[in-house]
C-alpha atoms as a PDB file:
ATOM      1  CA  MET A   1     -13.263   2.427  15.058  1.00  0.00           C
ATOM      2  CA  THR A   2     -11.988   1.690  11.388  1.00  0.00           C
ATOM      3  CA  ARG A   3     -14.342   1.997   8.729  1.00  0.00           C
ATOM      4  CA  ILE A   4     -14.180  -0.214   5.728  1.00  0.00           C
ATOM      5  CA  LEU A   5     -15.778  -0.133   2.504  1.00  0.00           C
ATOM      6  CA  LEU A   6     -16.036  -3.488   0.749  1.00  0.00           C
ATOM      7  CA  VAL A   7     -15.809  -3.734  -3.251  1.00  0.00           C
ATOM      8  CA  ASP A   8     -16.751  -6.714  -5.197  1.00  0.00           C
ATOM      9  CA  ASP A   9     -19.279  -7.879  -8.007  1.00  0.00           C
ATOM     10  CA  GLN A  10     -20.090 -10.865  -5.869  1.00  0.00           C
ATOM     11  CA  SER A  11     -22.413 -10.572  -2.983  1.00  0.00           C
ATOM     12  CA  ILE A  12     -21.556 -13.953  -1.268  1.00  0.00           C
ATOM     13  CA  VAL A  13     -17.703 -12.736  -1.323  1.00  0.00           C
ATOM     14  CA  ARG A  14     -18.919  -9.338   0.142  1.00  0.00           C
ATOM     15  CA  VAL A  15     -20.860 -11.084   2.672  1.00  0.00           C
ATOM     16  CA  GLY A  16     -18.150 -13.336   3.850  1.00  0.00           C
ATOM     17  CA  PHE A  17     -15.928 -10.791   4.179  1.00  0.00           C
ATOM     18  CA  ARG A  18     -18.073  -8.423   6.324  1.00  0.00           C
ATOM     19  CA  THR A  19     -18.505 -11.697   8.609  1.00  0.00           C
ATOM     20  CA  ILE A  20     -14.773 -12.078   9.049  1.00  0.00           C
ATOM     21  CA  LEU A  21     -14.141  -8.132   9.325  1.00  0.00           C
ATOM     22  CA  GLU A  22     -17.425  -7.700  12.100  1.00  0.00           C
ATOM     23  CA  THR A  23     -15.859 -10.088  13.737  1.00  0.00           C
ATOM     24  CA  GLU A  24     -13.068  -8.146  14.745  1.00  0.00           C
ATOM     25  CA  PRO A  25     -13.316  -5.396  17.744  1.00  0.00           C
ATOM     26  CA  GLY A  26     -12.968  -1.756  16.015  1.00  0.00           C
ATOM     27  CA  PHE A  27     -14.182  -2.654  12.711  1.00  0.00           C
ATOM     28  CA  GLU A  28     -17.096  -1.408  10.912  1.00  0.00           C
ATOM     29  CA  VAL A  29     -18.102  -2.291   7.200  1.00  0.00           C
ATOM     30  CA  VAL A  30     -19.992   1.290   6.430  1.00  0.00           C
ATOM     31  CA  GLY A  31     -20.969   0.548   3.043  1.00  0.00           C
ATOM     32  CA  GLU A  32     -20.688  -2.145   0.192  1.00  0.00           C
ATOM     33  CA  ALA A  33     -20.487  -1.735  -3.701  1.00  0.00           C
ATOM     34  CA  SER A  34     -20.456  -4.249  -6.559  1.00  0.00           C
ATOM     35  CA  ASP A  35     -18.416  -2.173  -9.284  1.00  0.00           C
ATOM     36  CA  GLY A  36     -15.445   0.416  -9.467  1.00  0.00           C
ATOM     37  CA  LYS A  37     -17.733   3.057 -10.521  1.00  0.00           C
ATOM     38  CA  VAL A  38     -19.930   2.808  -7.212  1.00  0.00           C
ATOM     39  CA  ALA A  39     -16.895   2.533  -4.785  1.00  0.00           C
ATOM     40  CA  ILE A  40     -15.619   6.115  -6.447  1.00  0.00           C
ATOM     41  CA  GLU A  41     -18.947   7.165  -5.229  1.00  0.00           C
ATOM     42  CA  GLN A  42     -19.184   5.123  -1.904  1.00  0.00           C
ATOM     43  CA  ALA A  43     -15.642   6.330  -0.740  1.00  0.00           C
ATOM     44  CA  ALA A  44     -16.097  10.276  -1.276  1.00  0.00           C
ATOM     45  CA  ALA A  45     -19.570   9.267   0.806  1.00  0.00           C
ATOM     46  CA  LEU A  46     -18.828   7.532   3.228  1.00  0.00           C
ATOM     47  CA  GLN A  47     -14.618   8.276   3.910  1.00  0.00           C
ATOM     48  CA  PRO A  48     -13.765   5.039   4.989  1.00  0.00           C
ATOM     49  CA  ASP A  49     -10.030   4.280   6.240  1.00  0.00           C
ATOM     50  CA  VAL A  50      -9.654   1.111   4.191  1.00  0.00           C
ATOM     51  CA  ILE A  51     -10.997  -0.208   1.343  1.00  0.00           C
ATOM     52  CA  CYS A  52     -11.093  -3.943  -0.138  1.00  0.00           C
ATOM     53  CA  MET A  53     -11.193  -3.600  -3.855  1.00  0.00           C
ATOM     54  CA  ASP A  54     -11.539  -6.626  -5.787  1.00  0.00           C
ATOM     55  CA  VAL A  55     -10.043  -6.005  -9.526  1.00  0.00           C
ATOM     56  CA  GLN A  56     -12.199  -7.634 -12.214  1.00  0.00           C
ATOM     57  CA  MET A  57     -15.632  -6.028 -12.146  1.00  0.00           C
ATOM     58  CA  PRO A  58     -18.464  -4.693 -14.491  1.00  0.00           C
ATOM     59  CA  VAL A  59     -18.796  -1.133 -15.393  1.00  0.00           C
ATOM     60  CA  MET A  60     -15.421  -0.576 -13.879  1.00  0.00           C
ATOM     61  CA  ASP A  61     -12.530  -2.602 -12.979  1.00  0.00           C
ATOM     62  CA  GLY A  62     -10.693  -2.004  -9.699  1.00  0.00           C
ATOM     63  CA  LEU A  63      -7.294  -1.024 -10.643  1.00  0.00           C
ATOM     64  CA  ALA A  64      -9.171   1.883 -12.320  1.00  0.00           C
ATOM     65  CA  ALA A  65     -11.326   2.959  -9.364  1.00  0.00           C
ATOM     66  CA  THR A  66      -8.290   2.819  -7.187  1.00  0.00           C
ATOM     67  CA  ARG A  67      -6.207   4.934  -9.228  1.00  0.00           C
ATOM     68  CA  GLU A  68      -9.388   7.952  -9.358  1.00  0.00           C
ATOM     69  CA  ILE A  69      -9.585   7.193  -5.698  1.00  0.00           C
ATOM     70  CA  THR A  70      -6.098   7.625  -4.166  1.00  0.00           C
ATOM     71  CA  ALA A  71      -5.428  10.506  -7.802  1.00  0.00           C
ATOM     72  CA  GLY A  72      -8.859  12.371  -5.929  1.00  0.00           C
ATOM     73  CA  GLY A  73      -7.089  12.721  -2.684  1.00  0.00           C
ATOM     74  CA  SER A  74      -8.389  10.009  -0.402  1.00  0.00           C
ATOM     75  CA  GLY A  75      -7.380   9.257   2.452  1.00  0.00           C
ATOM     76  CA  ALA A  76      -8.434   5.647   2.402  1.00  0.00           C
ATOM     77  CA  ALA A  77      -6.244   3.155   1.857  1.00  0.00           C
ATOM     78  CA  VAL A  78      -6.925   0.604  -0.732  1.00  0.00           C
ATOM     79  CA  MET A  79      -6.412  -2.770  -0.306  1.00  0.00           C
ATOM     80  CA  ILE A  80      -6.555  -4.994  -3.647  1.00  0.00           C
ATOM     81  CA  LEU A  81      -8.350  -8.490  -3.204  1.00  0.00           C
ATOM     82  CA  THR A  82      -8.272 -10.743  -6.179  1.00  0.00           C
ATOM     83  CA  THR A  83      -8.215 -14.339  -6.786  1.00  0.00           C
ATOM     84  CA  PHE A  84      -5.042 -14.383  -9.474  1.00  0.00           C
ATOM     85  CA  ASP A  85      -1.415 -13.883  -8.043  1.00  0.00           C
ATOM     86  CA  ARG A  86      -0.687 -11.748 -11.270  1.00  0.00           C
ATOM     87  CA  ASP A  87       2.067  -9.825 -11.807  1.00  0.00           C
ATOM     88  CA  ASP A  88       0.369  -7.459 -14.304  1.00  0.00           C
ATOM     89  CA  PHE A  89      -2.102  -7.126 -11.258  1.00  0.00           C
ATOM     90  CA  LEU A  90       0.151  -6.321  -8.470  1.00  0.00           C
ATOM     91  CA  PHE A  91       2.211  -3.639 -10.237  1.00  0.00           C
ATOM     92  CA  GLU A  92      -0.801  -1.984 -11.884  1.00  0.00           C
ATOM     93  CA  ALA A  93      -2.380  -1.860  -8.370  1.00  0.00           C
ATOM     94  CA  ILE A  94       0.667  -0.277  -6.841  1.00  0.00           C
ATOM     95  CA  ASP A  95       0.923   2.255  -9.746  1.00  0.00           C
ATOM     96  CA  ALA A  96      -2.401   2.917  -9.190  1.00  0.00           C
ATOM     97  CA  GLY A  97      -1.574   3.946  -5.461  1.00  0.00           C
ATOM     98  CA  ALA A  98      -2.998   0.735  -3.846  1.00  0.00           C
ATOM     99  CA  SER A  99      -1.110   0.361  -0.116  1.00  0.00           C
ATOM    100  CA  GLY A 100      -1.775  -3.345  -0.417  1.00  0.00           C
ATOM    101  CA  PHE A 101      -2.140  -6.814  -2.103  1.00  0.00           C
ATOM    102  CA  LEU A 102      -4.226  -9.891  -0.723  1.00  0.00           C
ATOM    103  CA  LEU A 103      -4.894 -13.433  -2.400  1.00  0.00           C
ATOM    104  CA  LYS A 104      -8.749 -14.059  -1.797  1.00  0.00           C
ATOM    105  CA  SER A 105      -7.440 -17.363  -0.839  1.00  0.00           C
ATOM    106  CA  SER A 106      -5.484 -15.791   2.457  1.00  0.00           C
ATOM    107  CA  GLU A 107      -6.714 -17.143   5.585  1.00  0.00           C
ATOM    108  CA  ALA A 108      -9.112 -14.894   8.191  1.00  0.00           C
ATOM    109  CA  GLU A 109      -6.716 -13.926  10.262  1.00  0.00           C
ATOM    110  CA  GLN A 110      -4.144 -12.735   7.396  1.00  0.00           C
ATOM    111  CA  LEU A 111      -7.269 -10.218   5.861  1.00  0.00           C
ATOM    112  CA  ILE A 112      -7.951  -9.093   9.625  1.00  0.00           C
ATOM    113  CA  GLU A 113      -4.260  -8.317  10.035  1.00  0.00           C
ATOM    114  CA  ALA A 114      -4.258  -6.441   6.493  1.00  0.00           C
ATOM    115  CA  VAL A 115      -6.879  -3.930   7.189  1.00  0.00           C
ATOM    116  CA  HIS A 116      -5.222  -3.277  10.937  1.00  0.00           C
ATOM    117  CA  ALA A 117      -1.817  -2.792   8.663  1.00  0.00           C
ATOM    118  CA  LEU A 118      -3.446  -0.624   6.325  1.00  0.00           C
ATOM    119  CA  ALA A 119      -5.385   1.299   9.106  1.00  0.00           C
ATOM    120  CA  ARG A 120      -2.278   1.909  10.673  1.00  0.00           C
ATOM    121  CA  GLY A 121      -0.708   3.385   7.418  1.00  0.00           C
ATOM    122  CA  ASP A 122       1.663   0.937   7.055  1.00  0.00           C
ATOM    123  CA  ALA A 123       1.278  -1.362   3.621  1.00  0.00           C
ATOM    124  CA  LEU A 124       0.615  -4.783   3.276  1.00  0.00           C
ATOM    125  CA  LEU A 125       2.636  -7.139   0.866  1.00  0.00           C
ATOM    126  CA  SER A 126       3.864 -10.517   1.673  1.00  0.00           C
ATOM    127  CA  PRO A 127       7.563 -11.003   1.795  1.00  0.00           C
ATOM    128  CA  ALA A 128       7.211 -12.717  -1.332  1.00  0.00           C
ATOM    129  CA  VAL A 129       5.586 -10.189  -3.403  1.00  0.00           C
ATOM    130  CA  THR A 130       7.689  -7.632  -1.719  1.00  0.00           C
ATOM    131  CA  ARG A 131      10.971  -9.393  -3.457  1.00  0.00           C
ATOM    132  CA  ARG A 132       8.984  -8.957  -6.743  1.00  0.00           C
ATOM    133  CA  VAL A 133       8.127  -5.208  -6.193  1.00  0.00           C
ATOM    134  CA  ILE A 134      12.174  -4.199  -5.279  1.00  0.00           C
ATOM    135  CA  GLU A 135      13.333  -6.778  -8.087  1.00  0.00           C
ATOM    136  CA  ARG A 136      11.201  -4.912 -10.418  1.00  0.00           C
ATOM    137  CA  TYR A 137      11.976  -1.356  -9.859  1.00  0.00           C
ATOM    138  CA  ALA A 138      15.604  -2.308  -8.886  1.00  0.00           C
ATOM    139  CA  GLY A 139      15.769  -3.267 -12.578  1.00  0.00           C
ATOM    140  CA  GLN A 140      14.126   0.189 -13.782  1.00  0.00           C
ATOM    141  CA  GLY A 141      16.031   2.131 -11.192  1.00  0.00           C
ATOM    142  CA  ALA A 142      18.878   3.232 -13.667  1.00  0.00           C
ATOM    143  CA  ALA A 143      16.876   4.194 -16.319  1.00  0.00           C
ATOM    144  CA  ALA A 144      14.023   5.743 -14.562  1.00  0.00           C
ATOM    145  CA  ALA A 145      16.176   7.808 -12.349  1.00  0.00           C
ATOM    146  CA  ALA A 146      17.729  10.498 -15.150  1.00  0.00           C
ATOM    147  CA  PRO A 147      14.351  12.268 -16.245  1.00  0.00           C
ATOM    148  CA  GLN A 148      13.378  12.483 -12.638  1.00  0.00           C
ATOM    149  CA  ALA A 149      16.737  13.068 -10.903  1.00  0.00           C
ATOM    150  CA  PRO A 150      16.062  16.806 -10.184  1.00  0.00           C
ATOM    151  CA  ALA A 151      13.094  16.273  -7.840  1.00  0.00           C
ATOM    152  CA  ALA A 152      15.698  13.376  -5.851  1.00  0.00           C
ATOM    153  CA  PRO A 153      17.997  15.986  -4.121  1.00  0.00           C
ATOM    154  CA  SER A 154      15.610  18.516  -3.187  1.00  0.00           C
ATOM    155  CA  ARG A 155      13.043  16.146  -1.043  1.00  0.00           C
ATOM    156  CA  LEU A 156      16.426  14.095   0.189  1.00  0.00           C
ATOM    157  CA  GLU A 157      17.824  17.162   1.430  1.00  0.00           C
ATOM    158  CA  GLY A 158      14.932  17.482   3.848  1.00  0.00           C
ATOM    159  CA  LEU A 159      15.507  14.134   5.360  1.00  0.00           C
ATOM    160  CA  THR A 160      17.802  13.555   8.320  1.00  0.00           C
ATOM    161  CA  GLU A 161      20.772  11.310   8.081  1.00  0.00           C
ATOM    162  CA  ARG A 162      18.093   8.925  10.310  1.00  0.00           C
ATOM    163  CA  GLU A 163      15.616   8.985   8.054  1.00  0.00           C
ATOM    164  CA  ARG A 164      17.723   8.960   5.206  1.00  0.00           C
ATOM    165  CA  GLU A 165      19.033   5.726   6.875  1.00  0.00           C
ATOM    166  CA  VAL A 166      15.407   3.821   7.305  1.00  0.00           C
ATOM    167  CA  LEU A 167      14.913   5.286   3.648  1.00  0.00           C
ATOM    168  CA  MET A 168      18.103   2.725   2.505  1.00  0.00           C
ATOM    169  CA  HIS A 169      16.861  -0.242   4.820  1.00  0.00           C
ATOM    170  CA  LEU A 170      13.123   0.489   3.557  1.00  0.00           C
ATOM    171  CA  ALA A 171      14.131  -0.124   0.195  1.00  0.00           C
ATOM    172  CA  ARG A 172      16.087  -3.206   1.149  1.00  0.00           C
ATOM    173  CA  GLY A 173      12.547  -4.575   1.999  1.00  0.00           C
ATOM    174  CA  ARG A 174      13.248  -4.506   6.256  1.00  0.00           C
ATOM    175  CA  SER A 175      10.642  -4.611   8.284  1.00  0.00           C
ATOM    176  CA  ASN A 176       9.911  -2.039  10.971  1.00  0.00           C
ATOM    177  CA  ALA A 177      11.272  -4.756  13.834  1.00  0.00           C
ATOM    178  CA  GLU A 178      14.192  -5.286  12.024  1.00  0.00           C
ATOM    179  CA  MET A 179      15.112  -1.640  11.105  1.00  0.00           C
ATOM    180  CA  ALA A 180      14.596  -1.388  15.262  1.00  0.00           C
ATOM    181  CA  ALA A 181      17.372  -4.842  15.700  1.00  0.00           C
ATOM    182  CA  GLU A 182      19.481  -3.504  13.192  1.00  0.00           C
ATOM    183  CA  LEU A 183      19.570   0.378  14.319  1.00  0.00           C
ATOM    184  CA  PHE A 184      19.423  -0.645  18.327  1.00  0.00           C
ATOM    185  CA  LEU A 185      16.123   1.815  18.457  1.00  0.00           C
ATOM    186  CA  GLY A 186      12.612   0.776  19.414  1.00  0.00           C
ATOM    187  CA  GLU A 187       9.876  -0.250  16.897  1.00  0.00           C
ATOM    188  CA  ALA A 188       8.088   3.293  17.877  1.00  0.00           C
ATOM    189  CA  THR A 189      10.788   5.349  16.900  1.00  0.00           C
ATOM    190  CA  ILE A 190      11.100   3.611  13.632  1.00  0.00           C
ATOM    191  CA  LYS A 191       7.729   3.929  13.507  1.00  0.00           C
ATOM    192  CA  THR A 192       7.849   7.921  13.286  1.00  0.00           C
ATOM    193  CA  HIS A 193      11.285   7.537  11.500  1.00  0.00           C
ATOM    194  CA  VAL A 194       9.289   6.001   8.874  1.00  0.00           C
ATOM    195  CA  SER A 195       6.162   8.441   9.028  1.00  0.00           C
ATOM    196  CA  ASN A 196       8.858  11.346   8.602  1.00  0.00           C
ATOM    197  CA  VAL A 197      10.500   9.556   5.688  1.00  0.00           C
ATOM    198  CA  LEU A 198       7.031   9.320   3.671  1.00  0.00           C
ATOM    199  CA  MET A 199       5.700  12.738   4.612  1.00  0.00           C
ATOM    200  CA  LYS A 200       8.982  14.279   3.538  1.00  0.00           C
ATOM    201  CA  LEU A 201       9.021  12.602  -0.166  1.00  0.00           C
ATOM    202  CA  GLY A 202       5.147  12.840  -0.599  1.00  0.00           C
ATOM    203  CA  VAL A 203       4.176   9.174  -0.974  1.00  0.00           C
ATOM    204  CA  ARG A 204       1.496   7.134   0.405  1.00  0.00           C
ATOM    205  CA  ASP A 205       3.367   4.420   1.987  1.00  0.00           C
ATOM    206  CA  ARG A 206       6.089   1.994   2.375  1.00  0.00           C
ATOM    207  CA  ILE A 207       5.953   0.760  -0.672  1.00  0.00           C
ATOM    208  CA  HIS A 208       5.975   4.195  -2.712  1.00  0.00           C
ATOM    209  CA  ALA A 209       8.589   4.770  -0.692  1.00  0.00           C
ATOM    210  CA  VAL A 210      10.770   1.950  -1.970  1.00  0.00           C
ATOM    211  CA  ILE A 211       9.817   2.892  -5.445  1.00  0.00           C
ATOM    212  CA  TRP A 212      10.987   6.363  -5.012  1.00  0.00           C
ATOM    213  CA  ALA A 213      14.157   5.410  -3.627  1.00  0.00           C
ATOM    214  CA  TYR A 214      14.722   2.960  -6.923  1.00  0.00           C
ATOM    215  CA  GLU A 215      13.455   5.470  -9.280  1.00  0.00           C
ATOM    216  CA  HIS A 216      15.578   7.892  -8.304  1.00  0.00           C
ATOM    217  CA  GLY A 217      18.804   5.738  -7.727  1.00  0.00           C
ATOM    218  CA  VAL A 218      18.995   6.425  -4.365  1.00  0.00           C
ATOM    219  CA  VAL A 219      19.436   2.579  -3.757  1.00  0.00           C
ATOM    220  CA  ALA A 220      21.608   0.719  -6.659  1.00  0.00           C
ATOM    221  CA  PRO A 221      20.059  -2.422  -7.823  1.00  0.00           C
ATOM    222  CA  GLY A 222      21.817  -5.196  -5.689  1.00  0.00           C
ATOM    223  CA  SER A 223      23.251  -2.748  -2.682  1.00  0.00           C
END
């Protein structure tokens, strides 16, 4: 059972999301919160698997709440749900530790699939958003690599040759299916390699593995 916490200051939005999600077998909405402060309390008390988090809320906004929840070691994956397709929201959400970013205008099936993806331990970004993330962090890679370089070699040395190859593909925005086709491996095998890469690098999900690779100069912009 995938346990879900809904966070939005509009009750009608929470009702709509609950209605959509609870039609899916295996989903259970275990709680709701109307602001970021209550979301932090609910996340600690209810231990959800996935948190659907609004951005603009009273008392504490969703980005600040996400940062506190992820920094506190919560095992929940946070998906930002917002009306606004804004780069500042997107990159602040990723920096805060969010694993997904979805517009509220998305279809019901996209919301359901997004929750499934986060529950599996994957990250969820649309292809267009993924390209924006790669472009942003690729552009920062050379500048960011120098001060962080000492941490990179030791973690990279812990990766097998195949895991390094998977990391390179991740950094180029490849999906598991694309990697499986290019490397002539099964998707289940790719998923295992991705999980090992995330664990060894100490990152939450594939989005943050991409960021790590560019920040540490593992992948050069345009490579």
